[in-house]
Amino acid sequence: MNAVIVVAVVAVLTVQSGAWAQDKGKKEVPAHVRKDVDDHRAMAEAHLNAARCLESGKSEKDCHAQLAKDCKGLGIGKYCGMKHRH
């Protein structure tokens, strides 16, 4: 019975130390970097939606107009360049 308890305690401590080691290795992402990441994902989503729009057979003019709306304030240029403002 004591051997079972010892094994259980060792298992719990091993799992807890592994979780602690994983948390220790992760770095906190600064807010400005998190914002950049979110902006890039939003631009990528807008471009993906534009591709889907074109694939659906809609006109390039309509799809680019929607892309411009989706990217307002994110990308650079007429077609939402995959650059960000700094």
PDB file of N, CA and C in Angstrom:
ATOM      1  N   MET A   1       0.828  -1.195   0.000  1.00  0.00           N
ATOM      2  CA  MET A   1       0.000   0.000   0.000  1.00  0.00           C
ATOM      3  C   MET A   1       0.874   1.261   0.000  1.00  0.00           C
ATOM      4  N   ASN A   2       1.921   1.271   0.829  1.00  0.00           N
ATOM      5  CA  ASN A   2       2.811   2.426   0.890  1.00  0.00           C
ATOM      6  C   ASN A   2       3.520   2.650  -0.450  1.00  0.00           C
ATOM      7  N   ALA A   3       3.833   1.579  -1.147  1.00  0.00           N
ATOM      8  CA  ALA A   3       4.501   1.695  -2.440  1.00  0.00           C
ATOM      9  C   ALA A   3       3.582   2.387  -3.450  1.00  0.00           C
ATOM     10  N   VAL A   4       2.302   2.094  -3.381  1.00  0.00           N
ATOM     11  CA  VAL A   4       1.329   2.715  -4.286  1.00  0.00           C
ATOM     12  C   VAL A   4       1.250   4.212  -4.009  1.00  0.00           C
ATOM     13  N   ILE A   5       1.246   4.592  -2.750  1.00  0.00           N
ATOM     14  CA  ILE A   5       1.183   6.011  -2.384  1.00  0.00           C
ATOM     15  C   ILE A   5       2.447   6.727  -2.846  1.00  0.00           C
ATOM     16  N   VAL A   6       3.587   6.102  -2.653  1.00  0.00           N
ATOM     17  CA  VAL A   6       4.859   6.703  -3.075  1.00  0.00           C
ATOM     18  C   VAL A   6       4.860   6.900  -4.590  1.00  0.00           C
ATOM     19  N   VAL A   7       4.426   5.898  -5.324  1.00  0.00           N
ATOM     20  CA  VAL A   7       4.382   6.002  -6.780  1.00  0.00           C
ATOM     21  C   VAL A   7       3.425   7.118  -7.201  1.00  0.00           C
ATOM     22  N   ALA A   8       2.279   7.228  -6.547  1.00  0.00           N
ATOM     23  CA  ALA A   8       1.303   8.270  -6.874  1.00  0.00           C
ATOM     24  C   ALA A   8       1.878   9.658  -6.608  1.00  0.00           C
ATOM     25  N   VAL A   9       2.557   9.811  -5.470  1.00  0.00           N
ATOM     26  CA  VAL A   9       3.154  11.104  -5.119  1.00  0.00           C
ATOM     27  C   VAL A   9       4.240  11.474  -6.119  1.00  0.00           C
ATOM     28  N   VAL A  10       5.077  10.532  -6.479  1.00  0.00           N
ATOM     29  CA  VAL A  10       6.139  10.782  -7.457  1.00  0.00           C
ATOM     30  C   VAL A  10       5.534  11.175  -8.802  1.00  0.00           C
ATOM     31  N   ALA A  11       4.474  10.496  -9.212  1.00  0.00           N
ATOM     32  CA  ALA A  11       3.824  10.817 -10.488  1.00  0.00           C
ATOM     33  C   ALA A  11       3.273  12.232 -10.472  1.00  0.00           C
ATOM     34  N   VAL A  12       2.607  12.618  -9.391  1.00  0.00           N
ATOM     35  CA  VAL A  12       2.046  13.972  -9.288  1.00  0.00           C
ATOM     36  C   VAL A  12       3.159  15.012  -9.319  1.00  0.00           C
ATOM     37  N   LEU A  13       4.211  14.783  -8.582  1.00  0.00           N
ATOM     38  CA  LEU A  13       5.327  15.741  -8.565  1.00  0.00           C
ATOM     39  C   LEU A  13       5.998  15.848  -9.930  1.00  0.00           C
ATOM     40  N   THR A  14       6.107  14.761 -10.636  1.00  0.00           N
ATOM     41  CA  THR A  14       6.708  14.769 -11.966  1.00  0.00           C
ATOM     42  C   THR A  14       5.861  15.593 -12.932  1.00  0.00           C
ATOM     43  N   VAL A  15       4.565  15.391 -12.905  1.00  0.00           N
ATOM     44  CA  VAL A  15       3.667  16.148 -13.782  1.00  0.00           C
ATOM     45  C   VAL A  15       3.721  17.623 -13.446  1.00  0.00           C
ATOM     46  N   GLN A  16       3.695  17.951 -12.158  1.00  0.00           N
ATOM     47  CA  GLN A  16       3.733  19.360 -11.757  1.00  0.00           C
ATOM     48  C   GLN A  16       5.045  20.019 -12.151  1.00  0.00           C
ATOM     49  N   SER A  17       6.162  19.335 -11.995  1.00  0.00           N
ATOM     50  CA  SER A  17       7.442  19.940 -12.359  1.00  0.00           C
ATOM     51  C   SER A  17       7.546  20.116 -13.869  1.00  0.00           C
ATOM     52  N   GLY A  18       6.959  19.206 -14.635  1.00  0.00           N
ATOM     53  CA  GLY A  18       6.951  19.355 -16.094  1.00  0.00           C
ATOM     54  C   GLY A  18       6.144  20.549 -16.526  1.00  0.00           C
ATOM     55  N   ALA A  19       4.997  20.754 -15.888  1.00  0.00           N
ATOM     56  CA  ALA A  19       4.160  21.916 -16.210  1.00  0.00           C
ATOM     57  C   ALA A  19       4.880  23.201 -15.837  1.00  0.00           C
ATOM     58  N   TRP A  20       5.568  23.209 -14.704  1.00  0.00           N
ATOM     59  CA  TRP A  20       6.308  24.394 -14.289  1.00  0.00           C
ATOM     60  C   TRP A  20       7.419  24.714 -15.283  1.00  0.00           C
ATOM     61  N   ALA A  21       8.101  23.695 -15.767  1.00  0.00           N
ATOM     62  CA  ALA A  21       9.193  23.905 -16.718  1.00  0.00           C
ATOM     63  C   ALA A  21       8.660  24.476 -18.030  1.00  0.00           C
ATOM     64  N   GLN A  22       7.483  24.040 -18.455  1.00  0.00           N
ATOM     65  CA  GLN A  22       6.908  24.571 -19.683  1.00  0.00           C
ATOM     66  C   GLN A  22       6.565  26.044 -19.520  1.00  0.00           C
ATOM     67  N   ASP A  23       5.960  26.418 -18.389  1.00  0.00           N
ATOM     68  CA  ASP A  23       5.610  27.814 -18.146  1.00  0.00           C
ATOM     69  C   ASP A  23       6.846  28.689 -18.048  1.00  0.00           C
ATOM     70  N   LYS A  24       7.892  28.172 -17.453  1.00  0.00           N
ATOM     71  CA  LYS A  24       9.128  28.920 -17.272  1.00  0.00           C
ATOM     72  C   LYS A  24       9.762  29.272 -18.623  1.00  0.00           C
ATOM     73  N   GLY A  25       9.648  28.382 -19.612  1.00  0.00           N
ATOM     74  CA  GLY A  25      10.272  28.587 -20.910  1.00  0.00           C
ATOM     75  C   GLY A  25       9.528  29.559 -21.808  1.00  0.00           C
ATOM     76  N   LYS A  26       8.275  29.831 -21.498  1.00  0.00           N
ATOM     77  CA  LYS A  26       7.485  30.737 -22.342  1.00  0.00           C
ATOM     78  C   LYS A  26       7.752  32.181 -21.942  1.00  0.00           C
ATOM     79  N   LYS A  27       7.868  33.031 -22.962  1.00  0.00           N
ATOM     80  CA  LYS A  27       8.067  34.444 -22.698  1.00  0.00           C
ATOM     81  C   LYS A  27       6.749  35.175 -22.865  1.00  0.00           C
ATOM     82  N   GLU A  28       6.549  36.187 -22.086  1.00  0.00           N
ATOM     83  CA  GLU A  28       5.367  37.041 -22.191  1.00  0.00           C
ATOM     84  C   GLU A  28       5.475  37.850 -23.486  1.00  0.00           C
ATOM     85  N   VAL A  29       4.402  37.890 -24.254  1.00  0.00           N
ATOM     86  CA  VAL A  29       4.395  38.640 -25.510  1.00  0.00           C
ATOM     87  C   VAL A  29       3.958  40.067 -25.200  1.00  0.00           C
ATOM     88  N   PRO A  30       4.807  41.052 -25.523  1.00  0.00           N
ATOM     89  CA  PRO A  30       4.442  42.445 -25.259  1.00  0.00           C
ATOM     90  C   PRO A  30       3.183  42.847 -26.032  1.00  0.00           C
ATOM     91  N   ALA A  31       2.455  43.806 -25.503  1.00  0.00           N
ATOM     92  CA  ALA A  31       1.180  44.235 -26.090  1.00  0.00           C
ATOM     93  C   ALA A  31       1.345  44.702 -27.531  1.00  0.00           C
ATOM     94  N   HIS A  32       2.411  45.455 -27.848  1.00  0.00           N
ATOM     95  CA  HIS A  32       2.577  45.962 -29.212  1.00  0.00           C
ATOM     96  C   HIS A  32       2.847  44.816 -30.195  1.00  0.00           C
ATOM     97  N   VAL A  33       3.516  43.766 -29.740  1.00  0.00           N
ATOM     98  CA  VAL A  33       3.758  42.605 -30.598  1.00  0.00           C
ATOM     99  C   VAL A  33       2.456  41.842 -30.801  1.00  0.00           C
ATOM    100  N   ARG A  34       1.677  41.694 -29.734  1.00  0.00           N
ATOM    101  CA  ARG A  34       0.381  41.026 -29.831  1.00  0.00           C
ATOM    102  C   ARG A  34      -0.520  41.760 -30.830  1.00  0.00           C
ATOM    103  N   LYS A  35      -0.492  43.103 -30.806  1.00  0.00           N
ATOM    104  CA  LYS A  35      -1.283  43.920 -31.737  1.00  0.00           C
ATOM    105  C   LYS A  35      -0.823  43.670 -33.165  1.00  0.00           C
ATOM    106  N   ASP A  36       0.481  43.621 -33.380  1.00  0.00           N
ATOM    107  CA  ASP A  36       1.044  43.338 -34.707  1.00  0.00           C
ATOM    108  C   ASP A  36       0.578  41.973 -35.219  1.00  0.00           C
ATOM    109  N   VAL A  37       0.630  40.985 -34.360  1.00  0.00           N
ATOM    110  CA  VAL A  37       0.198  39.637 -34.725  1.00  0.00           C
ATOM    111  C   VAL A  37      -1.279  39.652 -35.118  1.00  0.00           C
ATOM    112  N   ASP A  38      -2.094  40.320 -34.319  1.00  0.00           N
ATOM    113  CA  ASP A  38      -3.532  40.407 -34.613  1.00  0.00           C
ATOM    114  C   ASP A  38      -3.785  41.120 -35.937  1.00  0.00           C
ATOM    115  N   ASP A  39      -3.029  42.187 -36.211  1.00  0.00           N
ATOM    116  CA  ASP A  39      -3.176  42.917 -37.478  1.00  0.00           C
ATOM    117  C   ASP A  39      -2.805  42.029 -38.666  1.00  0.00           C
ATOM    118  N   HIS A  40      -1.725  41.287 -38.545  1.00  0.00           N
ATOM    119  CA  HIS A  40      -1.314  40.391 -39.633  1.00  0.00           C
ATOM    120  C   HIS A  40      -2.366  39.313 -39.882  1.00  0.00           C
ATOM    121  N   ARG A  41      -2.929  38.796 -38.814  1.00  0.00           N
ATOM    122  CA  ARG A  41      -3.983  37.782 -38.984  1.00  0.00           C
ATOM    123  C   ARG A  41      -5.215  38.383 -39.637  1.00  0.00           C
ATOM    124  N   ALA A  42      -5.559  39.608 -39.270  1.00  0.00           N
ATOM    125  CA  ALA A  42      -6.719  40.273 -39.874  1.00  0.00           C
ATOM    126  C   ALA A  42      -6.473  40.528 -41.364  1.00  0.00           C
ATOM    127  N   MET A  43      -5.246  40.945 -41.720  1.00  0.00           N
ATOM    128  CA  MET A  43      -4.914  41.157 -43.138  1.00  0.00           C
ATOM    129  C   MET A  43      -4.965  39.838 -43.905  1.00  0.00           C
ATOM    130  N   ALA A  44      -4.448  38.797 -43.305  1.00  0.00           N
ATOM    131  CA  ALA A  44      -4.457  37.495 -43.963  1.00  0.00           C
ATOM    132  C   ALA A  44      -5.887  37.018 -44.182  1.00  0.00           C
ATOM    133  N   GLU A  45      -6.743  37.224 -43.202  1.00  0.00           N
ATOM    134  CA  GLU A  45      -8.149  36.835 -43.328  1.00  0.00           C
ATOM    135  C   GLU A  45      -8.830  37.638 -44.438  1.00  0.00           C
ATOM    136  N   ALA A  46      -8.533  38.931 -44.518  1.00  0.00           N
ATOM    137  CA  ALA A  46      -9.110  39.771 -45.571  1.00  0.00           C
ATOM    138  C   ALA A  46      -8.668  39.285 -46.947  1.00  0.00           C
ATOM    139  N   HIS A  47      -7.409  38.922 -47.095  1.00  0.00           N
ATOM    140  CA  HIS A  47      -6.903  38.418 -48.373  1.00  0.00           C
ATOM    141  C   HIS A  47      -7.507  37.056 -48.713  1.00  0.00           C
ATOM    142  N   LEU A  48      -7.671  36.226 -47.711  1.00  0.00           N
ATOM    143  CA  LEU A  48      -8.305  34.925 -47.932  1.00  0.00           C
ATOM    144  C   LEU A  48      -9.752  35.109 -48.396  1.00  0.00           C
ATOM    145  N   ASN A  49     -10.458  36.036 -47.774  1.00  0.00           N
ATOM    146  CA  ASN A  49     -11.831  36.324 -48.193  1.00  0.00           C
ATOM    147  C   ASN A  49     -11.873  36.880 -49.612  1.00  0.00           C
ATOM    148  N   ALA A  50     -10.882  37.687 -49.978  1.00  0.00           N
ATOM    149  CA  ALA A  50     -10.816  38.218 -51.344  1.00  0.00           C
ATOM    150  C   ALA A  50     -10.587  37.076 -52.341  1.00  0.00           C
ATOM    151  N   ALA A  51      -9.747  36.133 -51.983  1.00  0.00           N
ATOM    152  CA  ALA A  51      -9.504  34.978 -52.856  1.00  0.00           C
ATOM    153  C   ALA A  51     -10.783  34.157 -53.030  1.00  0.00           C
ATOM    154  N   ARG A  52     -11.494  33.954 -51.933  1.00  0.00           N
ATOM    155  CA  ARG A  52     -12.761  33.214 -52.006  1.00  0.00           C
ATOM    156  C   ARG A  52     -13.772  33.954 -52.873  1.00  0.00           C
ATOM    157  N   CYS A  53     -13.787  35.260 -52.745  1.00  0.00           N
ATOM    158  CA  CYS A  53     -14.690  36.098 -53.538  1.00  0.00           C
ATOM    159  C   CYS A  53     -14.410  35.914 -55.027  1.00  0.00           C
ATOM    160  N   LEU A  54     -13.131  35.990 -55.389  1.00  0.00           N
ATOM    161  CA  LEU A  54     -12.757  35.825 -56.800  1.00  0.00           C
ATOM    162  C   LEU A  54     -13.084  34.417 -57.296  1.00  0.00           C
ATOM    163  N   GLU A  55     -12.849  33.422 -56.444  1.00  0.00           N
ATOM    164  CA  GLU A  55     -13.156  32.043 -56.822  1.00  0.00           C
ATOM    165  C   GLU A  55     -14.654  31.822 -57.040  1.00  0.00           C
ATOM    166  N   SER A  56     -15.456  32.609 -56.343  1.00  0.00           N
ATOM    167  CA  SER A  56     -16.905  32.450 -56.458  1.00  0.00           C
ATOM    168  C   SER A  56     -17.459  32.996 -57.774  1.00  0.00           C
ATOM    169  N   GLY A  57     -16.597  33.709 -58.525  1.00  0.00           N
ATOM    170  CA  GLY A  57     -17.024  34.233 -59.810  1.00  0.00           C
ATOM    171  C   GLY A  57     -17.427  35.694 -59.776  1.00  0.00           C
ATOM    172  N   LYS A  58     -17.360  36.324 -58.616  1.00  0.00           N
ATOM    173  CA  LYS A  58     -17.686  37.750 -58.539  1.00  0.00           C
ATOM    174  C   LYS A  58     -16.615  38.544 -59.278  1.00  0.00           C
ATOM    175  N   SER A  59     -16.956  39.757 -59.632  1.00  0.00           N
ATOM    176  CA  SER A  59     -16.020  40.581 -60.401  1.00  0.00           C
ATOM    177  C   SER A  59     -14.841  41.016 -59.529  1.00  0.00           C
ATOM    178  N   GLU A  60     -13.721  41.249 -60.205  1.00  0.00           N
ATOM    179  CA  GLU A  60     -12.527  41.719 -59.514  1.00  0.00           C
ATOM    180  C   GLU A  60     -12.811  43.044 -58.817  1.00  0.00           C
ATOM    181  N   LYS A  61     -13.584  43.883 -59.470  1.00  0.00           N
ATOM    182  CA  LYS A  61     -13.925  45.188 -58.909  1.00  0.00           C
ATOM    183  C   LYS A  61     -14.671  45.029 -57.578  1.00  0.00           C
ATOM    184  N   ASP A  62     -15.651  44.134 -57.541  1.00  0.00           N
ATOM    185  CA  ASP A  62     -16.419  43.914 -56.318  1.00  0.00           C
ATOM    186  C   ASP A  62     -15.545  43.312 -55.214  1.00  0.00           C
ATOM    187  N   CYS A  63     -14.721  42.357 -55.579  1.00  0.00           N
ATOM    188  CA  CYS A  63     -13.862  41.698 -54.590  1.00  0.00           C
ATOM    189  C   CYS A  63     -12.815  42.659 -54.037  1.00  0.00           C
ATOM    190  N   HIS A  64     -12.256  43.500 -54.881  1.00  0.00           N
ATOM    191  CA  HIS A  64     -11.270  44.473 -54.409  1.00  0.00           C
ATOM    192  C   HIS A  64     -11.928  45.538 -53.550  1.00  0.00           C
ATOM    193  N   ALA A  65     -13.167  45.891 -53.864  1.00  0.00           N
ATOM    194  CA  ALA A  65     -13.890  46.861 -53.041  1.00  0.00           C
ATOM    195  C   ALA A  65     -14.104  46.292 -51.632  1.00  0.00           C
ATOM    196  N   GLN A  66     -14.467  45.029 -51.555  1.00  0.00           N
ATOM    197  CA  GLN A  66     -14.652  44.394 -50.254  1.00  0.00           C
ATOM    198  C   GLN A  66     -13.322  44.276 -49.515  1.00  0.00           C
ATOM    199  N   LEU A  67     -12.268  43.961 -50.239  1.00  0.00           N
ATOM    200  CA  LEU A  67     -10.938  43.880 -49.639  1.00  0.00           C
ATOM    201  C   LEU A  67     -10.551  45.229 -49.038  1.00  0.00           C
ATOM    202  N   ALA A  68     -10.827  46.296 -49.752  1.00  0.00           N
ATOM    203  CA  ALA A  68     -10.506  47.637 -49.248  1.00  0.00           C
ATOM    204  C   ALA A  68     -11.268  47.917 -47.951  1.00  0.00           C
ATOM    205  N   LYS A  69     -12.521  47.506 -47.886  1.00  0.00           N
ATOM    206  CA  LYS A  69     -13.307  47.704 -46.658  1.00  0.00           C
ATOM    207  C   LYS A  69     -12.744  46.873 -45.513  1.00  0.00           C
ATOM    208  N   ASP A  70     -12.432  45.614 -45.805  1.00  0.00           N
ATOM    209  CA  ASP A  70     -11.942  44.705 -44.767  1.00  0.00           C
ATOM    210  C   ASP A  70     -10.584  45.127 -44.222  1.00  0.00           C
ATOM    211  N   CYS A  71      -9.779  45.786 -45.050  1.00  0.00           N
ATOM    212  CA  CYS A  71      -8.416  46.150 -44.651  1.00  0.00           C
ATOM    213  C   CYS A  71      -8.277  47.596 -44.193  1.00  0.00           C
ATOM    214  N   LYS A  72      -9.365  48.301 -44.147  1.00  0.00           N
ATOM    215  CA  LYS A  72      -9.276  49.716 -43.772  1.00  0.00           C
ATOM    216  C   LYS A  72      -8.539  49.854 -42.435  1.00  0.00           C
ATOM    217  N   GLY A  73      -7.461  50.625 -42.454  1.00  0.00           N
ATOM    218  CA  GLY A  73      -6.667  50.856 -41.259  1.00  0.00           C
ATOM    219  C   GLY A  73      -5.619  49.791 -40.958  1.00  0.00           C
ATOM    220  N   LEU A  74      -5.555  48.748 -41.774  1.00  0.00           N
ATOM    221  CA  LEU A  74      -4.589  47.679 -41.525  1.00  0.00           C
ATOM    222  C   LEU A  74      -3.430  47.701 -42.504  1.00  0.00           C
ATOM    223  N   GLY A  75      -3.756  47.562 -43.781  1.00  0.00           N
ATOM    224  CA  GLY A  75      -2.736  47.405 -44.808  1.00  0.00           C
ATOM    225  C   GLY A  75      -2.344  48.723 -45.433  1.00  0.00           C
ATOM    226  N   ILE A  76      -1.463  48.618 -46.401  1.00  0.00           N
ATOM    227  CA  ILE A  76      -0.948  49.792 -47.100  1.00  0.00           C
ATOM    228  C   ILE A  76      -1.314  49.682 -48.567  1.00  0.00           C
ATOM    229  N   GLY A  77      -1.787  50.763 -49.120  1.00  0.00           N
ATOM    230  CA  GLY A  77      -2.069  50.804 -50.547  1.00  0.00           C
ATOM    231  C   GLY A  77      -3.478  50.361 -50.895  1.00  0.00           C
ATOM    232  N   LYS A  78      -3.742  50.415 -52.175  1.00  0.00           N
ATOM    233  CA  LYS A  78      -5.067  50.157 -52.718  1.00  0.00           C
ATOM    234  C   LYS A  78      -5.539  48.728 -52.472  1.00  0.00           C
ATOM    235  N   TYR A  79      -4.611  47.772 -52.489  1.00  0.00           N
ATOM    236  CA  TYR A  79      -4.988  46.365 -52.352  1.00  0.00           C
ATOM    237  C   TYR A  79      -4.522  45.746 -51.039  1.00  0.00           C
ATOM    238  N   CYS A  80      -4.442  46.578 -50.001  1.00  0.00           N
ATOM    239  CA  CYS A  80      -4.132  46.085 -48.651  1.00  0.00           C
ATOM    240  C   CYS A  80      -2.819  45.308 -48.643  1.00  0.00           C
ATOM    241  N   GLY A  81      -1.737  45.984 -48.958  1.00  0.00           N
ATOM    242  CA  GLY A  81      -0.425  45.343 -48.962  1.00  0.00           C
ATOM    243  C   GLY A  81      -0.140  44.664 -47.643  1.00  0.00           C
ATOM    244  N   MET A  82       0.532  43.558 -47.713  1.00  0.00           N
ATOM    245  CA  MET A  82       0.819  42.796 -46.516  1.00  0.00           C
ATOM    246  C   MET A  82       1.982  43.421 -45.741  1.00  0.00           C
ATOM    247  N   LYS A  83       1.906  44.692 -45.576  1.00  0.00           N
ATOM    248  CA  LYS A  83       2.823  45.426 -44.709  1.00  0.00           C
ATOM    249  C   LYS A  83       1.944  46.064 -43.646  1.00  0.00           C
ATOM    250  N   HIS A  84       2.541  46.452 -42.572  1.00  0.00           N
ATOM    251  CA  HIS A  84       1.753  47.106 -41.542  1.00  0.00           C
ATOM    252  C   HIS A  84       2.284  48.500 -41.299  1.00  0.00           C
ATOM    253  N   ARG A  85       1.467  49.307 -40.735  1.00  0.00           N
ATOM    254  CA  ARG A  85       1.862  50.693 -40.506  1.00  0.00           C
ATOM    255  C   ARG A  85       2.727  50.790 -39.256  1.00  0.00           C
ATOM    256  N   HIS A  86       3.749  51.610 -39.320  1.00  0.00           N
ATOM    257  CA  HIS A  86       4.605  51.906 -38.162  1.00  0.00           C
ATOM    258  C   HIS A  86       4.983  53.357 -38.241  1.00  0.00           C
TER     259      HIS A  86
END
